[in-house]
Amino acid sequence: MAKRISISPATWVICAFALIIGGYSYWFYSNFDRVINEVDLGAIKEVKANPFFAAQKLLQNSGRTAKTERNFSVLDNELQQQDTLIIESTRVGLAESKRLKINDWLKEGGHLILLATEIYDNDLGTSRDVLLDELGIRLYENPVDSWSYDEDERLTKVTFEDFGDETSIDFDQNFYLQDSSGDSTFIGGNDYSDLFAQFKLGEGMITVVTDMDIWKNYSIDDYDHAMFLYQLIGTGEAVLFLYNTAQPSLWSIMRELIPMVIISFFIFIFLALFSASWRKGTPKADERPVQREIMQHLVAAGEFTYRNDSGETLLQSMMDSLETRLRRSIHQYSGLSDSQKINKVSQLVNIKKKQLELLWQIPEHTQEDFLLRVVLIQKIKRLL
């Protein structure tokens, strides 16, 4: 008698699952295509360390030699004619020898592109940037209320001779340039501000811009920023980016200051203990403080100040505050004459010039005159 083969239920279940999995695998590999998915792992080390990495690669791909440096020691090497030197770093404290070397190189045909980094101080008559002061180009801060938020008005649009198309650049609106010498060969900007200027020096050229972020990795592909850089360089074969001048490390600064901090700490402890030893005998009870309303203090201080000089100090402080507001609201306000200031303020706040003349006249030192001036100043501030 033949022996019967018995198959357990568990074997049937395993076979069923194997068939299902095998069938699904066959269907999956027959109907689905393999797709390569690229994952952005972030900027490589070179890009993180060099903000002009994209601009450098752009110029290298166009057949030029481009590199970046981080301190002015590179100027010790001989610069070649027709080279372009782009300096983002501040020039405050730049050695005289390096400045003269730059000037000699420019006269022989070099092209220097500078970022204006220092605000011009009208009181001192300098920006502390010798290169810009020699050109007579000044950097000023743009009041926020003078910015344009319309894209077309905000853009700077220029057309270079060798290029037919218009170039659009989105400069930062925080600053603007002023050519006090009148020697610039070209000044470009939008309808509100001058944002870059060019000067001839011998056979070379100097270009001053208010913003170099347009050429950094995160914005060089916006608008025509890359084309603007390409057009500025022109036929130059070598380009050098100079940025972020070398500064002492944090550890070296701490190492210099730690001894002074420790000595100062022990001196402070000694003086605190010494001053505490002066208290001898029973403590005297503190007198009960006199309670007064804050307005009493304000009224008393105001009356004292007014009687001292018929209110001239109060008026002067109010006028100083008003002048500060007007400098922010009116372009080049500090350089205007009194009559020009009156005209500008009258147009701005819609107050008759005859009324405004009271603020720029010699006061009569009367209480009525004082009150009229105070009311007028407050009214102008409300309208600004």
Protein backbone atom coordinates (compact mmCIF):
# COMPACT_ATOMS: atom_id res chain seq x y z
CA MET A 1 0.00 0.00 0.00
CA ALA A 2 1.40 3.41 -1.08
CA LYS A 3 2.25 5.90 1.61
CA ARG A 4 0.12 9.08 1.48
CA ILE A 5 1.88 12.47 1.53
CA SER A 6 0.33 14.83 4.08
CA ILE A 7 0.82 18.64 3.78
CA SER A 8 0.19 20.68 6.88
CA PRO A 9 -1.95 23.87 6.81
CA ALA A 10 1.10 25.98 7.81
CA THR A 11 2.88 24.85 4.62
CA TRP A 12 -0.09 25.97 2.52
CA VAL A 13 -0.09 29.38 4.22
CA ILE A 14 3.66 29.84 3.63
CA CYS A 15 3.32 28.88 -0.03
CA ALA A 16 0.39 31.29 -0.47
CA PHE A 17 2.39 34.16 1.04
CA ALA A 18 5.40 33.30 -1.11
CA LEU A 19 3.27 33.38 -4.26
CA ILE A 20 1.69 36.72 -3.29
CA ILE A 21 5.05 38.35 -2.50
CA GLY A 22 6.67 36.92 -5.63
CA GLY A 23 3.79 38.08 -7.83
CA TYR A 24 3.83 41.59 -6.35
CA SER A 25 7.61 41.82 -6.79
CA TYR A 26 7.34 40.76 -10.44
CA TRP A 27 4.58 43.31 -11.08
CA PHE A 28 6.49 46.10 -9.27
CA TYR A 29 9.74 45.66 -11.22
CA SER A 30 7.80 45.32 -14.48
CA ASN A 31 5.76 48.52 -14.11
CA PHE A 32 7.92 50.97 -12.15
CA ASP A 33 10.93 52.90 -13.49
CA ARG A 34 13.93 53.73 -11.37
CA VAL A 35 14.17 57.50 -10.80
CA ILE A 36 17.26 59.33 -9.52
CA ASN A 37 16.34 61.75 -6.77
CA GLU A 38 18.85 64.56 -6.04
CA VAL A 39 19.02 65.76 -2.44
CA ASP A 40 20.43 69.18 -1.67
CA LEU A 41 23.06 68.66 1.01
CA GLY A 42 23.76 72.39 1.32
CA ALA A 43 26.65 74.50 0.16
CA ILE A 44 30.05 72.88 -0.06
CA LYS A 45 32.84 74.08 2.21
CA GLU A 46 34.36 76.40 -0.42
CA VAL A 47 31.05 78.16 -1.03
CA LYS A 48 30.43 78.70 2.69
CA ALA A 49 33.89 80.18 3.14
CA ASN A 50 33.85 82.37 0.02
CA PRO A 51 30.81 84.66 -0.58
CA PHE A 52 32.09 85.42 -4.10
CA PHE A 53 32.52 81.76 -5.09
CA ALA A 54 29.75 81.88 -7.73
CA ALA A 55 31.10 85.12 -9.23
CA GLN A 56 34.60 83.63 -9.32
CA LYS A 57 33.39 80.51 -11.16
CA LEU A 58 31.34 82.64 -13.56
CA LEU A 59 34.41 84.63 -14.58
CA GLN A 60 36.59 81.53 -14.83
CA ASN A 61 34.05 79.91 -17.15
CA SER A 62 34.14 83.02 -19.34
CA GLY A 63 37.90 82.56 -19.87
CA ARG A 64 39.21 84.92 -17.21
CA THR A 65 41.51 84.32 -14.27
CA ALA A 66 39.61 84.96 -11.05
CA LYS A 67 40.55 84.41 -7.43
CA THR A 68 39.72 85.70 -3.95
CA GLU A 69 41.92 86.96 -1.12
CA ARG A 70 41.11 87.96 2.44
CA ASN A 71 43.71 90.58 3.35
CA PHE A 72 45.67 93.42 1.80
CA SER A 73 48.97 91.53 1.77
CA VAL A 74 48.08 90.48 -1.78
CA LEU A 75 48.89 94.05 -2.85
CA ASP A 76 52.53 93.32 -2.13
CA ASN A 77 52.53 91.29 -5.33
CA GLU A 78 52.76 93.14 -8.61
CA LEU A 79 49.36 93.96 -10.14
CA GLN A 80 49.22 93.69 -13.92
CA GLN A 81 47.80 96.23 -16.36
CA GLN A 82 44.19 95.61 -17.41
CA ASP A 83 43.59 93.57 -14.24
CA THR A 84 40.48 94.26 -12.15
CA LEU A 85 40.72 94.55 -8.36
CA ILE A 86 37.42 94.35 -6.45
CA ILE A 87 37.70 95.50 -2.81
CA GLU A 88 34.79 94.90 -0.44
CA SER A 89 36.86 95.41 2.72
CA THR A 90 37.13 98.72 4.55
CA ARG A 91 40.18 100.83 3.69
CA VAL A 92 40.33 102.64 7.03
CA GLY A 93 43.91 102.28 8.26
CA LEU A 94 45.23 101.18 4.86
CA ALA A 95 49.01 101.69 4.75
CA GLU A 96 50.20 104.65 2.69
CA SER A 97 52.58 102.43 0.69
CA LYS A 98 49.72 100.16 -0.42
CA ARG A 99 47.53 103.13 -1.33
CA LEU A 100 50.28 104.64 -3.49
CA LYS A 101 50.86 101.25 -5.15
CA ILE A 102 47.15 101.09 -6.03
CA ASN A 103 47.26 104.62 -7.49
CA ASP A 104 50.33 103.82 -9.62
CA TRP A 105 48.67 100.64 -10.90
CA LEU A 106 45.48 102.56 -11.78
CA LYS A 107 47.37 105.18 -13.76
CA GLU A 108 48.89 102.38 -15.85
CA GLY A 109 45.49 100.98 -16.85
CA GLY A 110 44.10 99.00 -13.91
CA HIS A 111 40.42 98.91 -12.95
CA LEU A 112 39.52 99.24 -9.26
CA ILE A 113 35.98 98.46 -8.06
CA LEU A 114 35.35 99.72 -4.51
CA LEU A 115 32.53 99.21 -2.04
CA ALA A 116 31.86 102.49 -0.21
CA THR A 117 31.88 101.34 3.43
CA GLU A 118 32.29 104.50 5.53
CA ILE A 119 29.63 107.20 6.03
CA TYR A 120 30.93 110.70 5.26
CA ASP A 121 31.12 112.94 8.36
CA ASN A 122 30.22 116.50 7.39
CA ASP A 123 31.54 117.90 10.69
CA LEU A 124 34.96 116.26 10.33
CA GLY A 125 35.03 116.65 6.55
CA THR A 126 36.14 113.05 5.95
CA SER A 127 34.92 109.48 5.71
CA ARG A 128 38.30 108.12 6.92
CA ASP A 129 38.54 106.28 3.57
CA VAL A 130 41.42 108.06 1.85
CA LEU A 131 40.68 106.50 -1.54
CA LEU A 132 37.12 107.87 -1.58
CA ASP A 133 38.08 111.24 -0.07
CA GLU A 134 40.65 111.76 -2.84
CA LEU A 135 37.93 111.14 -5.45
CA GLY A 136 35.50 113.49 -3.72
CA ILE A 137 32.84 110.77 -3.54
CA ARG A 138 30.75 110.66 -0.36
CA LEU A 139 28.55 107.94 1.13
CA TYR A 140 25.40 108.96 3.00
CA GLU A 141 22.64 106.99 4.71
CA ASN A 142 19.29 106.98 2.96
CA PRO A 143 16.25 107.69 5.18
CA VAL A 144 13.86 104.75 5.21
CA ASP A 145 10.94 106.96 4.18
CA SER A 146 12.77 107.83 0.94
CA TRP A 147 12.95 104.20 -0.23
CA SER A 148 10.94 102.99 -3.19
CA TYR A 149 9.03 99.75 -2.72
CA ASP A 150 7.97 99.63 -6.38
CA GLU A 151 10.24 97.15 -8.17
CA ASP A 152 10.55 99.10 -11.41
CA GLU A 153 11.42 102.36 -9.62
CA ARG A 154 13.83 100.63 -7.24
CA LEU A 155 16.00 99.09 -9.98
CA THR A 156 19.06 100.80 -11.42
CA LYS A 157 19.03 100.48 -15.22
CA VAL A 158 22.07 101.18 -17.40
CA THR A 159 23.09 100.42 -20.98
CA PHE A 160 26.78 99.85 -21.77
CA GLU A 161 28.20 100.94 -25.12
CA ASP A 162 29.23 97.46 -26.30
CA PHE A 163 25.94 95.87 -25.18
CA GLY A 164 22.61 96.73 -26.72
CA ASP A 165 20.36 95.40 -23.96
CA GLU A 166 19.52 97.30 -20.79
CA THR A 167 21.04 96.00 -17.56
CA SER A 168 18.92 96.01 -14.37
CA ILE A 169 20.53 95.96 -10.91
CA ASP A 170 18.77 95.82 -7.55
CA PHE A 171 21.11 97.82 -5.29
CA ASP A 172 20.41 98.03 -1.57
CA GLN A 173 18.60 101.29 -0.76
CA ASN A 174 20.20 101.92 2.63
CA PHE A 175 22.87 104.26 1.20
CA TYR A 176 23.50 106.66 -1.66
CA LEU A 177 26.53 108.40 -3.21
CA GLN A 178 27.27 112.09 -3.78
CA ASP A 179 30.00 113.34 -6.12
CA SER A 180 31.25 116.52 -4.42
CA SER A 181 34.11 116.98 -6.90
CA GLY A 182 32.10 116.72 -10.12
CA ASP A 183 34.92 114.64 -11.70
CA SER A 184 32.93 111.44 -12.21
CA THR A 185 32.64 110.23 -15.79
CA PHE A 186 29.40 108.40 -15.05
CA ILE A 187 26.90 108.16 -12.17
CA GLY A 188 24.14 105.57 -12.16
CA GLY A 189 21.19 104.90 -9.90
CA ASN A 190 17.42 104.98 -9.74
CA ASP A 191 15.07 107.97 -9.62
CA TYR A 192 15.77 108.47 -5.90
CA SER A 193 19.48 107.88 -5.32
CA ASP A 194 22.88 107.68 -7.03
CA LEU A 195 24.19 104.17 -6.33
CA PHE A 196 27.39 103.75 -8.34
CA ALA A 197 29.91 106.10 -9.98
CA GLN A 198 32.95 105.83 -12.22
CA PHE A 199 36.12 107.95 -12.38
CA LYS A 200 39.09 108.04 -14.75
CA LEU A 201 42.58 108.04 -13.24
CA GLY A 202 45.34 108.10 -15.82
CA GLU A 203 44.79 105.12 -18.09
CA GLY A 204 42.74 103.31 -15.46
CA MET A 205 39.28 103.51 -13.96
CA ILE A 206 37.70 103.47 -10.50
CA THR A 207 34.13 102.25 -9.99
CA VAL A 208 32.46 102.95 -6.62
CA VAL A 209 29.31 101.03 -5.64
CA THR A 210 27.08 101.16 -2.56
CA ASP A 211 26.34 97.43 -2.54
CA MET A 212 28.41 94.33 -3.38
CA ASP A 213 25.89 91.82 -2.06
CA ILE A 214 24.55 91.77 -5.63
CA TRP A 215 27.60 89.66 -6.60
CA LYS A 216 27.51 87.26 -3.68
CA ASN A 217 26.42 83.64 -3.96
CA TYR A 218 22.82 84.15 -2.88
CA SER A 219 21.95 87.05 -5.21
CA ILE A 220 24.28 87.05 -8.24
CA ASP A 221 21.59 85.21 -10.21
CA ASP A 222 18.97 87.90 -9.48
CA TYR A 223 18.05 90.39 -12.23
CA ASP A 224 21.17 91.21 -14.33
CA HIS A 225 23.70 91.16 -11.48
CA ALA A 226 26.01 88.66 -13.18
CA MET A 227 25.86 90.58 -16.48
CA PHE A 228 26.61 93.85 -14.65
CA LEU A 229 29.80 92.33 -13.20
CA TYR A 230 30.77 90.96 -16.62
CA GLN A 231 30.18 94.36 -18.27
CA LEU A 232 32.15 96.28 -15.62
CA ILE A 233 35.19 94.03 -16.03
CA GLY A 234 35.09 94.42 -19.81
CA THR A 235 38.21 93.09 -21.52
CA GLY A 236 40.18 92.53 -18.32
CA GLU A 237 41.81 89.11 -18.14
CA ALA A 238 42.40 88.75 -14.40
CA VAL A 239 40.02 89.61 -11.54
CA LEU A 240 40.88 89.64 -7.85
CA PHE A 241 38.20 89.79 -5.13
CA LEU A 242 39.50 91.23 -1.84
CA TYR A 243 37.14 90.89 1.12
CA ASN A 244 37.03 90.50 4.88
CA THR A 245 40.45 91.77 5.88
CA ALA A 246 42.24 89.60 8.43
CA GLN A 247 41.31 90.32 12.03
CA PRO A 248 42.89 88.97 15.22
CA SER A 249 41.28 85.77 16.47
CA LEU A 250 38.93 85.79 19.44
CA TRP A 251 41.38 83.68 21.46
CA SER A 252 44.25 86.13 20.88
CA ILE A 253 42.04 89.04 22.00
CA MET A 254 40.93 87.13 25.11
CA ARG A 255 44.51 86.19 25.93
CA GLU A 256 45.48 89.87 25.90
CA LEU A 257 42.54 91.03 28.00
CA ILE A 258 42.21 88.23 30.59
CA PRO A 259 45.05 89.53 32.85
CA MET A 260 43.48 93.01 32.88
CA VAL A 261 40.07 91.51 33.71
CA ILE A 262 41.50 89.49 36.62
CA ILE A 263 43.41 92.47 38.03
CA SER A 264 40.34 94.70 37.69
CA PHE A 265 38.20 92.11 39.48
CA PHE A 266 40.55 91.93 42.50
CA ILE A 267 40.78 95.74 42.64
CA PHE A 268 36.98 95.94 42.62
CA ILE A 269 36.72 93.40 45.48
CA PHE A 270 39.34 95.30 47.49
CA LEU A 271 37.61 98.65 47.02
CA ALA A 272 34.20 97.15 47.88
CA LEU A 273 35.56 95.67 51.14
CA PHE A 274 37.45 98.86 51.98
CA SER A 275 34.37 101.05 51.46
CA ALA A 276 32.27 98.69 53.60
CA SER A 277 34.71 99.10 56.53
CA TRP A 278 33.90 102.82 56.87
CA ARG A 279 30.47 102.24 58.37
CA LYS A 280 30.84 102.61 62.15
CA GLY A 281 28.36 102.92 65.01
CA THR A 282 24.62 102.52 64.98
CA PRO A 283 22.93 103.09 61.64
CA LYS A 284 20.92 106.28 61.29
CA ALA A 285 17.30 105.81 60.42
CA ASP A 286 16.46 106.96 56.92
CA GLU A 287 14.25 109.99 56.68
CA ARG A 288 10.82 109.44 55.29
CA PRO A 289 10.89 110.39 51.62
CA VAL A 290 8.73 113.28 50.53
CA GLN A 291 6.03 112.14 48.13
CA ARG A 292 5.47 114.45 45.17
CA GLU A 293 3.60 114.08 41.93
CA ILE A 294 5.75 113.65 38.83
CA MET A 295 4.08 116.67 37.20
CA GLN A 296 5.26 118.86 40.09
CA HIS A 297 8.84 117.94 39.24
CA LEU A 298 8.29 118.57 35.54
CA VAL A 299 6.62 121.95 36.12
CA ALA A 300 9.34 123.05 38.54
CA ALA A 301 12.12 121.98 36.17
CA GLY A 302 10.43 123.75 33.26
CA GLU A 303 9.93 126.99 35.19
CA PHE A 304 13.52 127.01 36.39
CA THR A 305 14.87 126.42 32.87
CA TYR A 306 12.58 129.12 31.42
CA ARG A 307 13.55 131.74 34.01
CA ASN A 308 17.23 131.03 33.56
CA ASP A 309 17.37 132.32 29.96
CA SER A 310 13.78 133.18 28.94
CA GLY A 311 13.26 129.68 27.56
CA GLU A 312 16.17 129.72 25.09
CA THR A 313 17.54 126.36 26.32
CA LEU A 314 14.12 124.72 26.03
CA LEU A 315 13.57 126.16 22.56
CA GLN A 316 17.04 125.12 21.42
CA SER A 317 16.51 121.51 22.56
CA MET A 318 13.15 121.42 20.77
CA MET A 319 14.69 122.90 17.61
CA ASP A 320 17.54 120.35 17.73
CA SER A 321 14.97 117.54 17.93
CA LEU A 322 13.01 119.08 15.04
CA GLU A 323 16.16 119.53 12.94
CA THR A 324 17.00 115.83 13.46
CA ARG A 325 13.54 114.85 12.19
CA LEU A 326 13.86 117.19 9.19
CA ARG A 327 17.28 115.80 8.23
CA ARG A 328 15.68 112.37 7.95
CA SER A 329 12.77 113.68 5.90
CA ILE A 330 14.49 116.17 3.55
CA HIS A 331 17.40 115.15 1.31
CA GLN A 332 20.63 117.10 2.05
CA TYR A 333 18.80 119.24 4.60
CA SER A 334 21.98 120.22 6.48
CA GLY A 335 23.42 121.99 3.44
CA LEU A 336 20.37 124.23 2.83
CA SER A 337 20.17 127.92 3.75
CA ASP A 338 17.48 129.17 6.17
CA SER A 339 15.26 130.37 3.33
CA GLN A 340 15.63 127.05 1.50
CA LYS A 341 14.82 125.18 4.71
CA ILE A 342 11.65 127.25 5.13
CA ASN A 343 10.58 126.48 1.54
CA LYS A 344 11.21 122.75 1.93
CA VAL A 345 9.43 122.50 5.32
CA SER A 346 6.49 124.56 4.02
CA GLN A 347 6.02 122.13 1.13
CA LEU A 348 6.38 119.13 3.42
CA VAL A 349 3.93 120.08 6.20
CA ASN A 350 1.69 122.54 4.28
CA ILE A 351 2.28 125.48 6.64
CA LYS A 352 2.72 129.00 5.31
CA LYS A 353 6.28 130.21 5.01
CA LYS A 354 5.45 133.39 6.93
CA GLN A 355 4.58 131.30 9.98
CA LEU A 356 7.68 129.15 9.63
CA GLU A 357 9.98 132.20 9.50
CA LEU A 358 9.33 132.62 13.22
CA LEU A 359 11.50 129.54 13.96
CA TRP A 360 14.58 130.92 12.20
CA GLN A 361 14.34 134.51 13.50
CA ILE A 362 16.18 135.97 16.48
CA PRO A 363 13.77 135.47 19.43
CA GLU A 364 12.24 138.49 21.19
CA HIS A 365 12.50 136.80 24.63
CA THR A 366 8.83 137.31 25.42
CA GLN A 367 6.50 134.71 26.87
CA GLU A 368 4.09 135.12 23.95
CA ASP A 369 6.90 134.59 21.43
CA PHE A 370 8.09 131.53 23.38
CA LEU A 371 4.60 129.96 23.36
CA LEU A 372 4.10 130.61 19.64
CA ARG A 373 7.39 128.88 18.82
CA VAL A 374 6.64 125.88 21.03
CA VAL A 375 3.18 125.40 19.51
CA LEU A 376 4.59 125.71 15.98
CA ILE A 377 7.35 123.16 16.61
CA GLN A 378 4.85 120.66 18.05
CA LYS A 379 2.56 121.17 15.08
CA ILE A 380 5.36 120.49 12.58
CA LYS A 381 6.39 117.32 14.45
CA ARG A 382 2.82 116.01 14.28
CA LEU A 383 2.69 116.60 10.53
CA LEU A 384 6.05 114.90 9.78
